[in-house]
């Protein structure tokens, strides 16, 4: 958790999938993620992230962030190699 700069296992899972640190905790703490992933793995989390809609990204972004949910998703696409 220290290495990834987050406070939860779900946050680590998000960081391992290249989610920006500033939203990793909120994306990992998403009730949708927890309900979707009974036995979370890096691969299942990646599938969840890949199929997530923009509303999840909007809910995950910090309120004071200059980036929109769509911009965070775009950053993730670049970092993860999931180019569009």
N, C-alpha and C. Protein backbone atom coordinates (compact mmCIF):
# COMPACT_ATOMS: atom_id res chain seq x y z
N UNK A 1 0.82 -1.19 0.00
CA UNK A 1 0.00 0.00 0.00
C UNK A 1 0.87 1.26 0.00
N UNK A 2 1.96 1.21 0.73
CA UNK A 2 2.88 2.34 0.76
C UNK A 2 3.48 2.55 -0.63
N UNK A 3 3.87 1.47 -1.27
CA UNK A 3 4.48 1.56 -2.60
C UNK A 3 3.54 2.23 -3.60
N UNK A 4 2.25 1.88 -3.55
CA UNK A 4 1.28 2.43 -4.49
C UNK A 4 0.67 3.75 -4.03
N UNK A 5 0.91 4.14 -2.77
CA UNK A 5 0.43 5.41 -2.26
C UNK A 5 -1.06 5.44 -1.98
N UNK A 6 -1.63 4.28 -1.62
CA UNK A 6 -3.05 4.19 -1.31
C UNK A 6 -3.24 3.49 0.02
N UNK A 7 -4.47 3.51 0.55
CA UNK A 7 -4.72 3.00 1.90
C UNK A 7 -5.54 1.72 1.95
N UNK A 8 -5.88 1.15 0.81
CA UNK A 8 -6.72 -0.04 0.82
C UNK A 8 -6.25 -1.04 -0.22
N UNK A 9 -6.67 -2.28 -0.06
CA UNK A 9 -6.34 -3.32 -1.04
C UNK A 9 -6.98 -3.02 -2.38
N UNK A 10 -8.20 -2.48 -2.33
CA UNK A 10 -8.88 -2.12 -3.58
C UNK A 10 -8.13 -1.00 -4.31
N UNK A 11 -7.58 -0.07 -3.53
CA UNK A 11 -6.78 1.00 -4.13
C UNK A 11 -5.53 0.45 -4.79
N UNK A 12 -4.89 -0.53 -4.15
CA UNK A 12 -3.72 -1.18 -4.74
C UNK A 12 -4.10 -1.86 -6.04
N UNK A 13 -5.23 -2.54 -6.03
CA UNK A 13 -5.72 -3.21 -7.24
C UNK A 13 -5.91 -2.21 -8.37
N UNK A 14 -6.44 -1.04 -8.05
CA UNK A 14 -6.62 0.00 -9.06
C UNK A 14 -5.27 0.52 -9.55
N UNK A 15 -4.34 0.76 -8.63
CA UNK A 15 -3.01 1.26 -9.02
C UNK A 15 -2.28 0.23 -9.88
N UNK A 16 -2.45 -1.05 -9.57
CA UNK A 16 -1.82 -2.10 -10.37
C UNK A 16 -2.38 -2.11 -11.80
N UNK A 17 -3.53 -1.50 -11.97
CA UNK A 17 -4.15 -1.39 -13.29
C UNK A 17 -4.03 0.02 -13.87
N UNK A 18 -3.06 0.77 -13.35
CA UNK A 18 -2.70 2.09 -13.89
C UNK A 18 -3.75 3.17 -13.70
N UNK A 19 -4.63 3.01 -12.73
CA UNK A 19 -5.56 4.08 -12.39
C UNK A 19 -4.75 5.18 -11.70
N UNK A 20 -4.91 6.45 -12.09
CA UNK A 20 -4.16 7.51 -11.41
C UNK A 20 -4.40 7.49 -9.89
N UNK A 21 -3.34 7.74 -9.14
CA UNK A 21 -3.39 7.68 -7.68
C UNK A 21 -4.51 8.55 -7.10
N UNK A 22 -4.74 9.69 -7.70
CA UNK A 22 -5.73 10.61 -7.14
C UNK A 22 -7.15 10.07 -7.16
N UNK A 23 -7.43 9.04 -7.97
CA UNK A 23 -8.78 8.46 -7.98
C UNK A 23 -8.79 6.97 -7.67
N UNK A 24 -7.62 6.38 -7.40
CA UNK A 24 -7.54 4.94 -7.17
C UNK A 24 -8.38 4.50 -5.97
N UNK A 25 -8.35 5.26 -4.88
CA UNK A 25 -9.12 4.89 -3.69
C UNK A 25 -10.62 4.92 -3.97
N UNK A 26 -11.08 5.98 -4.59
CA UNK A 26 -12.52 6.09 -4.83
C UNK A 26 -13.00 5.09 -5.88
N UNK A 27 -12.19 4.84 -6.89
CA UNK A 27 -12.57 3.83 -7.89
C UNK A 27 -12.56 2.44 -7.26
N UNK A 28 -11.57 2.17 -6.43
CA UNK A 28 -11.48 0.87 -5.76
C UNK A 28 -12.55 0.67 -4.72
N UNK A 29 -12.97 1.74 -4.10
CA UNK A 29 -13.99 1.66 -3.06
C UNK A 29 -15.40 1.68 -3.63
N UNK A 30 -15.50 1.70 -4.93
CA UNK A 30 -16.81 1.74 -5.57
C UNK A 30 -17.64 0.52 -5.21
N UNK A 31 -18.85 0.73 -4.80
CA UNK A 31 -19.76 -0.38 -4.50
C UNK A 31 -19.93 -1.28 -5.71
N UNK A 32 -19.87 -0.68 -6.90
CA UNK A 32 -20.00 -1.47 -8.13
C UNK A 32 -18.84 -2.44 -8.26
N UNK A 33 -17.64 -1.98 -7.98
CA UNK A 33 -16.47 -2.85 -8.05
C UNK A 33 -16.61 -3.99 -7.06
N UNK A 34 -16.96 -3.67 -5.84
CA UNK A 34 -17.05 -4.70 -4.80
C UNK A 34 -18.14 -5.71 -5.12
N UNK A 35 -19.25 -5.27 -5.70
CA UNK A 35 -20.33 -6.19 -6.04
C UNK A 35 -19.97 -7.03 -7.27
N UNK A 36 -19.18 -6.47 -8.17
CA UNK A 36 -18.82 -7.15 -9.41
C UNK A 36 -17.73 -8.19 -9.19
N UNK A 37 -16.79 -7.87 -8.34
CA UNK A 37 -15.62 -8.73 -8.17
C UNK A 37 -15.70 -9.48 -6.84
N UNK A 38 -16.20 -10.68 -6.89
CA UNK A 38 -16.30 -11.48 -5.68
C UNK A 38 -14.90 -11.90 -5.22
N UNK A 39 -14.09 -12.38 -6.14
CA UNK A 39 -12.69 -12.72 -5.85
C UNK A 39 -11.83 -11.84 -6.73
N UNK A 40 -11.55 -10.60 -6.29
CA UNK A 40 -10.85 -9.66 -7.16
C UNK A 40 -9.44 -10.12 -7.52
N UNK A 41 -9.11 -9.93 -8.76
CA UNK A 41 -7.76 -10.17 -9.25
C UNK A 41 -7.41 -8.98 -10.14
N UNK A 42 -6.15 -8.87 -10.49
CA UNK A 42 -5.72 -7.78 -11.36
C UNK A 42 -6.46 -7.86 -12.69
N UNK A 43 -6.61 -9.06 -13.22
CA UNK A 43 -7.27 -9.24 -14.51
C UNK A 43 -8.76 -8.89 -14.45
N UNK A 44 -9.45 -9.34 -13.39
CA UNK A 44 -10.88 -9.05 -13.30
C UNK A 44 -11.11 -7.56 -13.04
N UNK A 45 -10.21 -6.93 -12.30
CA UNK A 45 -10.32 -5.49 -12.08
C UNK A 45 -10.11 -4.73 -13.39
N UNK A 46 -9.17 -5.19 -14.20
CA UNK A 46 -8.91 -4.56 -15.50
C UNK A 46 -10.14 -4.67 -16.40
N UNK A 47 -10.78 -5.84 -16.38
CA UNK A 47 -12.00 -6.02 -17.18
C UNK A 47 -13.09 -5.06 -16.69
N UNK A 48 -13.20 -4.92 -15.37
CA UNK A 48 -14.18 -4.00 -14.79
C UNK A 48 -13.89 -2.58 -15.24
N UNK A 49 -12.64 -2.16 -15.15
CA UNK A 49 -12.25 -0.80 -15.54
C UNK A 49 -12.52 -0.57 -17.02
N UNK A 50 -12.14 -1.53 -17.85
CA UNK A 50 -12.33 -1.40 -19.30
C UNK A 50 -13.79 -1.24 -19.68
N UNK A 51 -14.67 -1.90 -18.94
CA UNK A 51 -16.09 -1.85 -19.29
C UNK A 51 -16.87 -0.79 -18.52
N UNK A 52 -16.19 -0.03 -17.65
CA UNK A 52 -16.90 0.95 -16.83
C UNK A 52 -17.38 2.13 -17.68
N UNK A 53 -18.50 2.69 -17.28
CA UNK A 53 -19.03 3.85 -17.99
C UNK A 53 -18.46 5.13 -17.39
N UNK A 54 -18.69 6.21 -18.08
CA UNK A 54 -18.11 7.49 -17.68
C UNK A 54 -18.64 7.96 -16.32
N UNK A 55 -19.84 7.53 -15.95
CA UNK A 55 -20.42 7.93 -14.66
C UNK A 55 -19.54 7.46 -13.50
N UNK A 56 -18.97 6.27 -13.61
CA UNK A 56 -18.08 5.76 -12.56
C UNK A 56 -16.85 6.64 -12.45
N UNK A 57 -16.29 7.04 -13.56
CA UNK A 57 -15.12 7.92 -13.56
C UNK A 57 -15.47 9.29 -12.98
N UNK A 58 -16.66 9.79 -13.30
CA UNK A 58 -17.10 11.08 -12.75
C UNK A 58 -17.26 11.01 -11.24
N UNK A 59 -17.82 9.90 -10.74
CA UNK A 59 -17.98 9.74 -9.28
C UNK A 59 -16.64 9.59 -8.59
N UNK A 60 -15.66 9.02 -9.27
CA UNK A 60 -14.36 8.77 -8.66
C UNK A 60 -13.45 9.98 -8.57
N UNK A 61 -13.69 10.98 -9.40
CA UNK A 61 -12.78 12.12 -9.43
C UNK A 61 -12.95 13.01 -8.20
N UNK A 62 -11.85 13.57 -7.70
CA UNK A 62 -11.93 14.49 -6.57
C UNK A 62 -12.72 15.73 -6.96
N UNK A 63 -13.44 16.30 -6.02
CA UNK A 63 -14.29 17.46 -6.32
C UNK A 63 -13.48 18.67 -6.78
N UNK A 64 -12.25 18.80 -6.33
CA UNK A 64 -11.44 19.95 -6.70
C UNK A 64 -10.54 19.68 -7.91
N UNK A 65 -10.73 18.56 -8.57
CA UNK A 65 -9.88 18.18 -9.69
C UNK A 65 -10.19 19.00 -10.94
N UNK A 66 -9.16 19.45 -11.63
CA UNK A 66 -9.39 20.16 -12.89
C UNK A 66 -9.76 19.20 -14.03
N UNK A 67 -9.59 17.89 -13.81
CA UNK A 67 -9.91 16.90 -14.84
C UNK A 67 -11.33 16.37 -14.69
N UNK A 68 -11.96 16.12 -15.80
CA UNK A 68 -13.28 15.49 -15.79
C UNK A 68 -13.10 13.97 -15.72
N UNK A 69 -14.19 13.27 -15.50
CA UNK A 69 -14.14 11.82 -15.51
C UNK A 69 -13.65 11.29 -16.84
N UNK A 70 -14.08 11.90 -17.93
CA UNK A 70 -13.65 11.48 -19.27
C UNK A 70 -12.15 11.69 -19.45
N UNK A 71 -11.62 12.76 -18.88
CA UNK A 71 -10.18 13.01 -18.99
C UNK A 71 -9.39 11.99 -18.16
N UNK A 72 -9.90 11.65 -16.97
CA UNK A 72 -9.24 10.60 -16.18
C UNK A 72 -9.26 9.28 -16.95
N UNK A 73 -10.37 8.97 -17.58
CA UNK A 73 -10.46 7.74 -18.35
C UNK A 73 -9.47 7.77 -19.51
N UNK A 74 -9.32 8.91 -20.14
CA UNK A 74 -8.36 9.05 -21.23
C UNK A 74 -6.93 8.85 -20.74
N UNK A 75 -6.61 9.40 -19.57
CA UNK A 75 -5.29 9.19 -18.98
C UNK A 75 -5.07 7.70 -18.74
N UNK A 76 -6.09 7.03 -18.20
CA UNK A 76 -5.98 5.59 -17.95
C UNK A 76 -5.74 4.83 -19.26
N UNK A 77 -6.46 5.20 -20.32
CA UNK A 77 -6.26 4.52 -21.60
C UNK A 77 -4.81 4.65 -22.05
N UNK A 78 -4.23 5.81 -21.87
CA UNK A 78 -2.84 6.04 -22.27
C UNK A 78 -1.88 5.24 -21.40
N UNK A 79 -2.05 5.32 -20.07
CA UNK A 79 -1.14 4.63 -19.14
C UNK A 79 -1.22 3.11 -19.25
N UNK A 80 -2.40 2.61 -19.53
CA UNK A 80 -2.59 1.16 -19.55
C UNK A 80 -2.31 0.53 -20.90
N UNK A 81 -2.10 1.36 -21.91
CA UNK A 81 -1.89 0.82 -23.24
C UNK A 81 -3.19 0.41 -23.92
N UNK A 82 -4.31 0.82 -23.34
CA UNK A 82 -5.63 0.50 -23.89
C UNK A 82 -6.07 1.63 -24.82
N UNK A 83 -5.18 2.06 -25.70
CA UNK A 83 -5.47 3.19 -26.56
C UNK A 83 -6.77 3.03 -27.31
N UNK A 84 -7.36 4.14 -27.63
CA UNK A 84 -8.65 4.16 -28.33
C UNK A 84 -8.44 4.35 -29.79
